[in-house]
């Protein structure tokens, strides 16, 4: 069934792009990707009882899911792919979903949600389906992108703030390292410069990132908030017990003020000149560009030129 949707073209029906169908068919068929309370056994799933479930799905592109009892998906960050389901719905049902999400196709700019076509993977196929986005809400991040796992996410008063400037600027790297972060934002560290002079313990001649003190230095990075119980995971990956990096508390400038955060600095005997970072490592660092943009890419280029 999914293959049949690959040949659909789009035309304005119900004031939005949707599938072209013969004029004698009353209800136009639309594909919708749902990721929250519209999923099976969730509070609003009854709105889709008469719709056809195409299958479990995952977005092709990465977005960020926030959740406070209900989820919001935003294009503001590239954290993870979003998990959900694809349904075939009539134009009547699509209008009902629009009302649920406070989306007005006649006045999209004043709507609480937007509804946009995106690519999603359903089994081995990629289809185009509508997805509801919200760029107005902020809540704890669901790193997995799966609302069914959101109940386990709770922020606590003893949560840790961490300033990442190396490969951990990639949220995928943090997820791989089992870091259950609930916030991710850009930050700036005064008095330090990014350097590629940390010896890679298992790769001769290869560099990892480091922070070097500098009177007029400015370093750009990503701030994460995560549970205190996850700190030993990060210490392990940063080689604290084996003397590769040590933790230091620093003040990070954010858009809302100063935030105290831990940062990992390379131990003196693990620093050397003439080292080169690998391309794959640089690629992970540049994942922070979704929040830092050109300021990060410029800083990385400057650090590489110093090698």
C-alpha atoms as a PDB file:
ATOM      1  CA  UNK A   1       0.000   0.000   0.000  1.00  0.00           C
ATOM      2  CA  UNK A   2       2.797   2.409   0.865  1.00  0.00           C
ATOM      3  CA  UNK A   3       4.285   2.194  -2.627  1.00  0.00           C
ATOM      4  CA  UNK A   4       1.136   3.681  -4.090  1.00  0.00           C
ATOM      5  CA  UNK A   5       1.782   6.969  -2.329  1.00  0.00           C
ATOM      6  CA  UNK A   6       5.128   7.510  -4.033  1.00  0.00           C
ATOM      7  CA  UNK A   7       3.361   8.530  -7.254  1.00  0.00           C
ATOM      8  CA  UNK A   8       1.030  11.084  -5.653  1.00  0.00           C
ATOM      9  CA  UNK A   9       1.229  14.661  -6.872  1.00  0.00           C
ATOM     10  CA  UNK A  10       0.104  17.650  -4.853  1.00  0.00           C
ATOM     11  CA  UNK A  11      -2.488  20.352  -5.414  1.00  0.00           C
ATOM     12  CA  UNK A  12      -4.340  22.832  -3.175  1.00  0.00           C
ATOM     13  CA  UNK A  13      -7.275  21.004  -1.563  1.00  0.00           C
ATOM     14  CA  UNK A  14      -8.703  22.154   1.780  1.00  0.00           C
ATOM     15  CA  UNK A  15      -6.522  25.252   1.343  1.00  0.00           C
ATOM     16  CA  UNK A  16      -3.339  23.197   1.716  1.00  0.00           C
ATOM     17  CA  UNK A  17      -1.299  20.926  -0.574  1.00  0.00           C
ATOM     18  CA  UNK A  18      -2.765  17.434  -0.643  1.00  0.00           C
ATOM     19  CA  UNK A  19      -3.246  14.519  -3.012  1.00  0.00           C
ATOM     20  CA  UNK A  20      -4.884  14.956  -6.435  1.00  0.00           C
ATOM     21  CA  UNK A  21      -7.829  12.557  -6.771  1.00  0.00           C
ATOM     22  CA  UNK A  22     -10.675  12.122  -9.275  1.00  0.00           C
ATOM     23  CA  UNK A  23     -13.300  14.829  -8.912  1.00  0.00           C
ATOM     24  CA  UNK A  24     -16.081  12.322  -8.178  1.00  0.00           C
ATOM     25  CA  UNK A  25     -14.400  11.242  -4.924  1.00  0.00           C
ATOM     26  CA  UNK A  26     -15.882  13.185  -2.012  1.00  0.00           C
ATOM     27  CA  UNK A  27     -13.099  12.826   0.542  1.00  0.00           C
ATOM     28  CA  UNK A  28      -9.524  13.609  -0.437  1.00  0.00           C
ATOM     29  CA  UNK A  29      -6.929  11.258   1.062  1.00  0.00           C
ATOM     30  CA  UNK A  30      -4.002  12.733   2.963  1.00  0.00           C
ATOM     31  CA  UNK A  31      -1.049  11.174   4.742  1.00  0.00           C
ATOM     32  CA  UNK A  32      -0.411  12.500   8.253  1.00  0.00           C
ATOM     33  CA  UNK A  33       2.525  11.699  10.531  1.00  0.00           C
ATOM     34  CA  UNK A  34       1.502  11.735  14.208  1.00  0.00           C
ATOM     35  CA  UNK A  35       3.951  11.564  17.114  1.00  0.00           C
ATOM     36  CA  UNK A  36       2.068  12.451  20.313  1.00  0.00           C
ATOM     37  CA  UNK A  37      -1.431  12.155  21.754  1.00  0.00           C
ATOM     38  CA  UNK A  38      -2.809  10.982  18.385  1.00  0.00           C
ATOM     39  CA  UNK A  39      -0.778   7.772  18.537  1.00  0.00           C
ATOM     40  CA  UNK A  40      -2.440   4.468  19.385  1.00  0.00           C
ATOM     41  CA  UNK A  41      -3.795   4.256  22.959  1.00  0.00           C
ATOM     42  CA  UNK A  42      -3.023   7.925  23.599  1.00  0.00           C
ATOM     43  CA  UNK A  43      -5.623  10.472  24.673  1.00  0.00           C
ATOM     44  CA  UNK A  44      -6.599  11.771  21.219  1.00  0.00           C
ATOM     45  CA  UNK A  45      -6.232   8.556  19.218  1.00  0.00           C
ATOM     46  CA  UNK A  46     -10.024   8.349  18.862  1.00  0.00           C
ATOM     47  CA  UNK A  47      -9.864  11.025  16.169  1.00  0.00           C
ATOM     48  CA  UNK A  48      -8.128   8.478  13.920  1.00  0.00           C
ATOM     49  CA  UNK A  49     -10.353   5.440  14.541  1.00  0.00           C
ATOM     50  CA  UNK A  50     -11.837   5.636  11.032  1.00  0.00           C
ATOM     51  CA  UNK A  51      -8.478   6.334   9.371  1.00  0.00           C
ATOM     52  CA  UNK A  52      -6.118   3.825   7.791  1.00  0.00           C
ATOM     53  CA  UNK A  53      -2.941   3.092   9.736  1.00  0.00           C
ATOM     54  CA  UNK A  54      -0.176   2.910   7.137  1.00  0.00           C
ATOM     55  CA  UNK A  55       2.501   1.906   9.640  1.00  0.00           C
ATOM     56  CA  UNK A  56       5.016   2.890  12.277  1.00  0.00           C
ATOM     57  CA  UNK A  57       7.340   5.590  11.003  1.00  0.00           C
ATOM     58  CA  UNK A  58      10.321   7.790  11.709  1.00  0.00           C
ATOM     59  CA  UNK A  59      11.192  11.167  10.196  1.00  0.00           C
ATOM     60  CA  UNK A  60      14.023  11.304   7.677  1.00  0.00           C
ATOM     61  CA  UNK A  61      15.313  14.633   9.017  1.00  0.00           C
ATOM     62  CA  UNK A  62      16.275  15.358  12.606  1.00  0.00           C
ATOM     63  CA  UNK A  63      14.157  17.711  14.723  1.00  0.00           C
ATOM     64  CA  UNK A  64      13.726  18.283  18.465  1.00  0.00           C
ATOM     65  CA  UNK A  65      10.873  16.974  20.591  1.00  0.00           C
ATOM     66  CA  UNK A  66       9.880  18.870  23.733  1.00  0.00           C
ATOM     67  CA  UNK A  67       7.364  17.397  26.169  1.00  0.00           C
ATOM     68  CA  UNK A  68       5.295  18.671  29.073  1.00  0.00           C
ATOM     69  CA  UNK A  69       2.535  16.031  29.281  1.00  0.00           C
ATOM     70  CA  UNK A  70       2.028  16.591  25.542  1.00  0.00           C
ATOM     71  CA  UNK A  71       4.851  16.755  22.986  1.00  0.00           C
ATOM     72  CA  UNK A  72       5.882  19.568  20.676  1.00  0.00           C
ATOM     73  CA  UNK A  73       8.157  18.997  17.699  1.00  0.00           C
ATOM     74  CA  UNK A  74      10.269  21.928  16.518  1.00  0.00           C
ATOM     75  CA  UNK A  75      12.637  22.607  13.641  1.00  0.00           C
ATOM     76  CA  UNK A  76      14.805  24.790  15.912  1.00  0.00           C
ATOM     77  CA  UNK A  77      17.330  22.027  16.666  1.00  0.00           C
ATOM     78  CA  UNK A  78      18.600  18.836  15.050  1.00  0.00           C
ATOM     79  CA  UNK A  79      18.534  16.440  18.002  1.00  0.00           C
ATOM     80  CA  UNK A  80      17.027  13.199  16.698  1.00  0.00           C
ATOM     81  CA  UNK A  81      14.603  11.710  14.240  1.00  0.00           C
ATOM     82  CA  UNK A  82      11.021  11.663  15.513  1.00  0.00           C
ATOM     83  CA  UNK A  83       9.157   8.392  16.108  1.00  0.00           C
ATOM     84  CA  UNK A  84       5.470   8.108  15.241  1.00  0.00           C
ATOM     85  CA  UNK A  85       2.867   6.642  12.912  1.00  0.00           C
ATOM     86  CA  UNK A  86       1.520   7.474   9.459  1.00  0.00           C
ATOM     87  CA  UNK A  87      -2.217   7.482   8.810  1.00  0.00           C
ATOM     88  CA  UNK A  88      -4.231   7.994   5.677  1.00  0.00           C
ATOM     89  CA  UNK A  89      -6.984  10.461   6.583  1.00  0.00           C
ATOM     90  CA  UNK A  90      -9.835  12.135   4.748  1.00  0.00           C
ATOM     91  CA  UNK A  91     -10.004  15.888   4.320  1.00  0.00           C
ATOM     92  CA  UNK A  92     -12.745  15.883   6.971  1.00  0.00           C
ATOM     93  CA  UNK A  93     -10.456  14.166   9.489  1.00  0.00           C
ATOM     94  CA  UNK A  94      -7.582  16.445   8.534  1.00  0.00           C
ATOM     95  CA  UNK A  95      -9.780  19.437   9.370  1.00  0.00           C
ATOM     96  CA  UNK A  96     -10.503  17.840  12.775  1.00  0.00           C
ATOM     97  CA  UNK A  97      -6.776  17.427  13.412  1.00  0.00           C
ATOM     98  CA  UNK A  98      -6.211  21.055  12.450  1.00  0.00           C
ATOM     99  CA  UNK A  99      -8.759  22.151  15.040  1.00  0.00           C
ATOM    100  CA  UNK A 100      -7.109  19.967  17.674  1.00  0.00           C
ATOM    101  CA  UNK A 101      -3.726  21.548  16.954  1.00  0.00           C
ATOM    102  CA  UNK A 102      -5.134  25.102  16.669  1.00  0.00           C
ATOM    103  CA  UNK A 103      -3.950  25.309  13.091  1.00  0.00           C
ATOM    104  CA  UNK A 104      -5.884  27.529  10.693  1.00  0.00           C
ATOM    105  CA  UNK A 105      -4.884  26.858   7.071  1.00  0.00           C
ATOM    106  CA  UNK A 106      -6.326  30.226   6.088  1.00  0.00           C
ATOM    107  CA  UNK A 107      -4.197  32.055   8.685  1.00  0.00           C
ATOM    108  CA  UNK A 108      -1.129  29.855   9.179  1.00  0.00           C
ATOM    109  CA  UNK A 109       1.035  32.715  10.432  1.00  0.00           C
ATOM    110  CA  UNK A 110      -1.276  33.269  13.436  1.00  0.00           C
ATOM    111  CA  UNK A 111      -1.769  29.567  14.235  1.00  0.00           C
ATOM    112  CA  UNK A 112      -0.294  27.883  17.290  1.00  0.00           C
ATOM    113  CA  UNK A 113       0.993  24.981  15.173  1.00  0.00           C
ATOM    114  CA  UNK A 114       2.117  24.821  11.573  1.00  0.00           C
ATOM    115  CA  UNK A 115       1.351  21.865   9.311  1.00  0.00           C
ATOM    116  CA  UNK A 116       4.073  21.026   6.822  1.00  0.00           C
ATOM    117  CA  UNK A 117       4.821  18.130   4.453  1.00  0.00           C
ATOM    118  CA  UNK A 118       7.928  16.180   5.447  1.00  0.00           C
ATOM    119  CA  UNK A 119       9.581  12.919   4.451  1.00  0.00           C
ATOM    120  CA  UNK A 120       9.142   9.936   6.765  1.00  0.00           C
ATOM    121  CA  UNK A 121      10.352   6.348   6.641  1.00  0.00           C
ATOM    122  CA  UNK A 122       7.645   3.690   6.786  1.00  0.00           C
ATOM    123  CA  UNK A 123       9.322   0.309   6.700  1.00  0.00           C
ATOM    124  CA  UNK A 124      11.644   0.375   3.692  1.00  0.00           C
ATOM    125  CA  UNK A 125       9.740   3.181   1.965  1.00  0.00           C
ATOM    126  CA  UNK A 126       9.971   6.954   2.196  1.00  0.00           C
ATOM    127  CA  UNK A 127       6.686   8.850   1.878  1.00  0.00           C
ATOM    128  CA  UNK A 128       5.622  12.469   2.197  1.00  0.00           C
ATOM    129  CA  UNK A 129       3.195  13.202   5.020  1.00  0.00           C
ATOM    130  CA  UNK A 130       1.903  16.201   6.899  1.00  0.00           C
ATOM    131  CA  UNK A 131       3.438  16.893  10.304  1.00  0.00           C
ATOM    132  CA  UNK A 132       2.445  19.457  12.955  1.00  0.00           C
ATOM    133  CA  UNK A 133       5.251  21.700  14.253  1.00  0.00           C
ATOM    134  CA  UNK A 134       5.260  24.096  17.184  1.00  0.00           C
ATOM    135  CA  UNK A 135       7.951  26.767  17.472  1.00  0.00           C
ATOM    136  CA  UNK A 136       6.334  28.533  20.462  1.00  0.00           C
ATOM    137  CA  UNK A 137       6.618  26.020  23.307  1.00  0.00           C
ATOM    138  CA  UNK A 138       9.663  25.183  25.416  1.00  0.00           C
ATOM    139  CA  UNK A 139       9.785  22.168  27.715  1.00  0.00           C
ATOM    140  CA  UNK A 140      12.222  19.361  28.600  1.00  0.00           C
ATOM    141  CA  UNK A 141      13.747  17.700  25.546  1.00  0.00           C
ATOM    142  CA  UNK A 142      12.944  14.083  24.722  1.00  0.00           C
ATOM    143  CA  UNK A 143      16.335  12.995  23.273  1.00  0.00           C
ATOM    144  CA  UNK A 144      14.968   9.777  21.759  1.00  0.00           C
ATOM    145  CA  UNK A 145      12.274  11.622  19.812  1.00  0.00           C
ATOM    146  CA  UNK A 146       9.755   9.035  21.068  1.00  0.00           C
ATOM    147  CA  UNK A 147       6.838  10.396  23.101  1.00  0.00           C
ATOM    148  CA  UNK A 148       6.237   6.939  24.592  1.00  0.00           C
ATOM    149  CA  UNK A 149       9.522   7.393  26.494  1.00  0.00           C
ATOM    150  CA  UNK A 150       8.755  10.923  27.680  1.00  0.00           C
ATOM    151  CA  UNK A 151       7.265   9.914  31.039  1.00  0.00           C
ATOM    152  CA  UNK A 152      10.709   8.987  32.357  1.00  0.00           C
ATOM    153  CA  UNK A 153      12.060  12.509  31.780  1.00  0.00           C
ATOM    154  CA  UNK A 154      12.034  14.707  34.866  1.00  0.00           C
ATOM    155  CA  UNK A 155      14.153  17.748  35.675  1.00  0.00           C
ATOM    156  CA  UNK A 156      15.575  17.909  39.216  1.00  0.00           C
ATOM    157  CA  UNK A 157      17.131  20.667  41.321  1.00  0.00           C
ATOM    158  CA  UNK A 158      20.491  18.863  41.366  1.00  0.00           C
ATOM    159  CA  UNK A 159      20.715  18.495  37.578  1.00  0.00           C
ATOM    160  CA  UNK A 160      24.118  19.167  36.017  1.00  0.00           C
ATOM    161  CA  UNK A 161      24.885  21.838  33.430  1.00  0.00           C
ATOM    162  CA  UNK A 162      27.678  20.879  31.048  1.00  0.00           C
ATOM    163  CA  UNK A 163      29.480  22.986  28.434  1.00  0.00           C
ATOM    164  CA  UNK A 164      30.459  20.930  25.371  1.00  0.00           C
ATOM    165  CA  UNK A 165      32.918  22.228  22.783  1.00  0.00           C
ATOM    166  CA  UNK A 166      34.068  19.018  21.096  1.00  0.00           C
ATOM    167  CA  UNK A 167      32.285  15.994  19.670  1.00  0.00           C
ATOM    168  CA  UNK A 168      29.601  16.191  22.372  1.00  0.00           C
ATOM    169  CA  UNK A 169      28.148  19.212  20.616  1.00  0.00           C
ATOM    170  CA  UNK A 170      26.504  16.531  18.497  1.00  0.00           C
ATOM    171  CA  UNK A 171      23.301  15.452  20.274  1.00  0.00           C
ATOM    172  CA  UNK A 172      23.618  12.074  18.552  1.00  0.00           C
ATOM    173  CA  UNK A 173      26.952  11.600  20.319  1.00  0.00           C
ATOM    174  CA  UNK A 174      25.376  12.489  23.660  1.00  0.00           C
ATOM    175  CA  UNK A 175      22.507  10.061  23.070  1.00  0.00           C
ATOM    176  CA  UNK A 176      24.986   7.332  22.101  1.00  0.00           C
ATOM    177  CA  UNK A 177      26.769   7.970  25.396  1.00  0.00           C
ATOM    178  CA  UNK A 178      23.499   7.515  27.327  1.00  0.00           C
ATOM    179  CA  UNK A 179      23.271  11.150  28.413  1.00  0.00           C
ATOM    180  CA  UNK A 180      19.620  11.935  29.155  1.00  0.00           C
ATOM    181  CA  UNK A 181      19.749  15.669  28.548  1.00  0.00           C
ATOM    182  CA  UNK A 182      16.598  17.755  28.939  1.00  0.00           C
ATOM    183  CA  UNK A 183      17.924  21.100  27.714  1.00  0.00           C
ATOM    184  CA  UNK A 184      20.346  22.079  24.965  1.00  0.00           C
ATOM    185  CA  UNK A 185      21.315  25.660  24.157  1.00  0.00           C
ATOM    186  CA  UNK A 186      24.166  27.739  22.785  1.00  0.00           C
ATOM    187  CA  UNK A 187      26.756  29.215  25.138  1.00  0.00           C
ATOM    188  CA  UNK A 188      29.929  31.289  25.081  1.00  0.00           C
ATOM    189  CA  UNK A 189      32.994  30.893  27.289  1.00  0.00           C
ATOM    190  CA  UNK A 190      35.125  34.010  27.777  1.00  0.00           C
ATOM    191  CA  UNK A 191      38.878  33.755  28.325  1.00  0.00           C
ATOM    192  CA  UNK A 192      39.426  30.521  26.407  1.00  0.00           C
ATOM    193  CA  UNK A 193      40.102  29.493  22.816  1.00  0.00           C
ATOM    194  CA  UNK A 194      39.276  26.252  21.045  1.00  0.00           C
ATOM    195  CA  UNK A 195      42.399  24.209  20.304  1.00  0.00           C
ATOM    196  CA  UNK A 196      43.077  20.828  18.740  1.00  0.00           C
ATOM    197  CA  UNK A 197      45.984  19.712  20.909  1.00  0.00           C
ATOM    198  CA  UNK A 198      44.603  16.908  23.104  1.00  0.00           C
ATOM    199  CA  UNK A 199      46.429  13.636  22.408  1.00  0.00           C
ATOM    200  CA  UNK A 200      44.105  10.843  21.266  1.00  0.00           C
ATOM    201  CA  UNK A 201      45.222   7.973  23.487  1.00  0.00           C
ATOM    202  CA  UNK A 202      44.590   5.269  20.878  1.00  0.00           C
ATOM    203  CA  UNK A 203      45.309   7.184  17.654  1.00  0.00           C
ATOM    204  CA  UNK A 204      48.906   8.453  17.185  1.00  0.00           C
ATOM    205  CA  UNK A 205      49.073  11.946  15.694  1.00  0.00           C
ATOM    206  CA  UNK A 206      45.328  12.525  16.083  1.00  0.00           C
ATOM    207  CA  UNK A 207      43.926  15.460  18.068  1.00  0.00           C
ATOM    208  CA  UNK A 208      40.849  15.947  20.164  1.00  0.00           C
ATOM    209  CA  UNK A 209      39.476  19.338  21.172  1.00  0.00           C
ATOM    210  CA  UNK A 210      40.640  21.295  24.195  1.00  0.00           C
ATOM    211  CA  UNK A 211      40.094  24.669  25.853  1.00  0.00           C
ATOM    212  CA  UNK A 212      43.193  26.846  26.154  1.00  0.00           C
ATOM    213  CA  UNK A 213      43.259  29.939  28.425  1.00  0.00           C
ATOM    214  CA  UNK A 214      43.535  33.222  26.496  1.00  0.00           C
ATOM    215  CA  UNK A 215      43.058  36.766  27.782  1.00  0.00           C
ATOM    216  CA  UNK A 216      40.928  37.800  24.802  1.00  0.00           C
ATOM    217  CA  UNK A 217      39.670  34.328  23.913  1.00  0.00           C
ATOM    218  CA  UNK A 218      36.059  33.478  23.103  1.00  0.00           C
ATOM    219  CA  UNK A 219      34.912  29.868  22.774  1.00  0.00           C
ATOM    220  CA  UNK A 220      31.521  28.805  21.441  1.00  0.00           C
ATOM    221  CA  UNK A 221      29.815  25.631  22.591  1.00  0.00           C
ATOM    222  CA  UNK A 222      26.620  23.868  23.591  1.00  0.00           C
ATOM    223  CA  UNK A 223      25.172  23.776  27.097  1.00  0.00           C
ATOM    224  CA  UNK A 224      23.378  20.616  28.190  1.00  0.00           C
ATOM    225  CA  UNK A 225      21.314  19.958  31.289  1.00  0.00           C
ATOM    226  CA  UNK A 226      21.183  16.351  32.455  1.00  0.00           C
ATOM    227  CA  UNK A 227      20.535  14.327  35.644  1.00  0.00           C
ATOM    228  CA  UNK A 228      23.318  14.080  38.203  1.00  0.00           C
ATOM    229  CA  UNK A 229      23.169  10.282  37.938  1.00  0.00           C
ATOM    230  CA  UNK A 230      24.472  10.552  34.344  1.00  0.00           C
ATOM    231  CA  UNK A 231      27.662  12.414  35.313  1.00  0.00           C
ATOM    232  CA  UNK A 232      29.722   9.203  35.791  1.00  0.00           C
ATOM    233  CA  UNK A 233      28.892   8.274  32.170  1.00  0.00           C
ATOM    234  CA  UNK A 234      30.401  11.535  30.970  1.00  0.00           C
ATOM    235  CA  UNK A 235      33.439  11.207  33.240  1.00  0.00           C
ATOM    236  CA  UNK A 236      34.048   7.785  31.722  1.00  0.00           C
ATOM    237  CA  UNK A 237      33.897   9.012  28.128  1.00  0.00           C
ATOM    238  CA  UNK A 238      36.156  11.971  28.927  1.00  0.00           C
ATOM    239  CA  UNK A 239      38.754   9.721  30.556  1.00  0.00           C
ATOM    240  CA  UNK A 240      38.722  11.487  33.934  1.00  0.00           C
ATOM    241  CA  UNK A 241      39.849   8.476  35.975  1.00  0.00           C
ATOM    242  CA  UNK A 242      42.722   7.788  33.576  1.00  0.00           C
ATOM    243  CA  UNK A 243      43.974  11.379  33.612  1.00  0.00           C
ATOM    244  CA  UNK A 244      42.975  12.577  30.151  1.00  0.00           C
ATOM    245  CA  UNK A 245      40.577  15.392  31.049  1.00  0.00           C
ATOM    246  CA  UNK A 246      39.613  16.997  34.356  1.00  0.00           C
ATOM    247  CA  UNK A 247      36.378  18.725  35.290  1.00  0.00           C
ATOM    248  CA  UNK A 248      36.328  22.468  35.911  1.00  0.00           C
ATOM    249  CA  UNK A 249      33.368  24.682  36.822  1.00  0.00           C
ATOM    250  CA  UNK A 250      33.150  27.753  34.612  1.00  0.00           C
ATOM    251  CA  UNK A 251      30.682  30.538  33.917  1.00  0.00           C
ATOM    252  CA  UNK A 252      28.996  30.339  30.518  1.00  0.00           C
ATOM    253  CA  UNK A 253      27.251  33.275  28.876  1.00  0.00           C
ATOM    254  CA  UNK A 254      23.833  32.398  27.438  1.00  0.00           C
ATOM    255  CA  UNK A 255      21.008  34.353  25.868  1.00  0.00           C
ATOM    256  CA  UNK A 256      19.328  34.576  29.290  1.00  0.00           C
ATOM    257  CA  UNK A 257      22.370  35.308  31.475  1.00  0.00           C
ATOM    258  CA  UNK A 258      25.261  33.503  33.162  1.00  0.00           C
ATOM    259  CA  UNK A 259      25.062  29.768  33.814  1.00  0.00           C
ATOM    260  CA  UNK A 260      27.552  27.857  35.970  1.00  0.00           C
ATOM    261  CA  UNK A 261      28.552  24.682  34.168  1.00  0.00           C
ATOM    262  CA  UNK A 262      31.184  21.983  34.232  1.00  0.00           C
ATOM    263  CA  UNK A 263      33.680  21.806  31.393  1.00  0.00           C
ATOM    264  CA  UNK A 264      36.346  19.217  30.643  1.00  0.00           C
ATOM    265  CA  UNK A 265      39.904  20.531  30.162  1.00  0.00           C
ATOM    266  CA  UNK A 266      42.777  18.356  28.942  1.00  0.00           C
ATOM    267  CA  UNK A 267      45.437  17.448  31.526  1.00  0.00           C
ATOM    268  CA  UNK A 268      48.809  19.109  30.852  1.00  0.00           C
ATOM    269  CA  UNK A 269      50.617  15.847  30.086  1.00  0.00           C
ATOM    270  CA  UNK A 270      48.002  14.935  27.478  1.00  0.00           C
ATOM    271  CA  UNK A 271      48.578  18.053  25.360  1.00  0.00           C
ATOM    272  CA  UNK A 272      50.948  18.274  22.383  1.00  0.00           C
ATOM    273  CA  UNK A 273      51.495  20.374  19.287  1.00  0.00           C
ATOM    274  CA  UNK A 274      51.370  19.155  15.694  1.00  0.00           C
ATOM    275  CA  UNK A 275      48.272  16.987  16.098  1.00  0.00           C
ATOM    276  CA  UNK A 276      45.436  16.881  13.567  1.00  0.00           C
ATOM    277  CA  UNK A 277      41.730  16.172  14.185  1.00  0.00           C
ATOM    278  CA  UNK A 278      40.049  13.600  11.971  1.00  0.00           C
ATOM    279  CA  UNK A 279      37.308  14.656   9.545  1.00  0.00           C
ATOM    280  CA  UNK A 280      34.704  12.523  11.315  1.00  0.00           C
ATOM    281  CA  UNK A 281      35.511  14.287  14.593  1.00  0.00           C
ATOM    282  CA  UNK A 282      35.179  17.739  13.016  1.00  0.00           C
ATOM    283  CA  UNK A 283      31.831  16.682  11.560  1.00  0.00           C
ATOM    284  CA  UNK A 284      30.550  15.873  15.057  1.00  0.00           C
ATOM    285  CA  UNK A 285      31.672  19.276  16.333  1.00  0.00           C
ATOM    286  CA  UNK A 286      29.923  21.048  13.479  1.00  0.00           C
ATOM    287  CA  UNK A 287      26.639  19.439  14.539  1.00  0.00           C
ATOM    288  CA  UNK A 288      26.511  22.360  16.972  1.00  0.00           C
ATOM    289  CA  UNK A 289      25.928  24.668  14.017  1.00  0.00           C
ATOM    290  CA  UNK A 290      22.161  24.156  14.346  1.00  0.00           C
ATOM    291  CA  UNK A 291      22.354  26.478  17.371  1.00  0.00           C
ATOM    292  CA  UNK A 292      25.632  28.334  16.832  1.00  0.00           C
ATOM    293  CA  UNK A 293      25.655  28.797  13.064  1.00  0.00           C
ATOM    294  CA  UNK A 294      28.572  30.533  11.391  1.00  0.00           C
ATOM    295  CA  UNK A 295      30.246  31.535  14.679  1.00  0.00           C
ATOM    296  CA  UNK A 296      31.043  27.871  15.336  1.00  0.00           C
ATOM    297  CA  UNK A 297      32.247  27.010  11.833  1.00  0.00           C
ATOM    298  CA  UNK A 298      34.480  30.112  11.874  1.00  0.00           C
ATOM    299  CA  UNK A 299      35.968  29.162  15.256  1.00  0.00           C
ATOM    300  CA  UNK A 300      36.689  25.606  14.085  1.00  0.00           C
ATOM    301  CA  UNK A 301      38.337  26.874  10.901  1.00  0.00           C
ATOM    302  CA  UNK A 302      40.480  29.296  12.940  1.00  0.00           C
ATOM    303  CA  UNK A 303      41.604  26.519  15.303  1.00  0.00           C
ATOM    304  CA  UNK A 304      42.498  24.227  12.402  1.00  0.00           C
ATOM    305  CA  UNK A 305      44.542  26.970  10.731  1.00  0.00           C
ATOM    306  CA  UNK A 306      46.665  27.198  13.883  1.00  0.00           C
ATOM    307  CA  UNK A 307      47.790  23.585  13.541  1.00  0.00           C
END
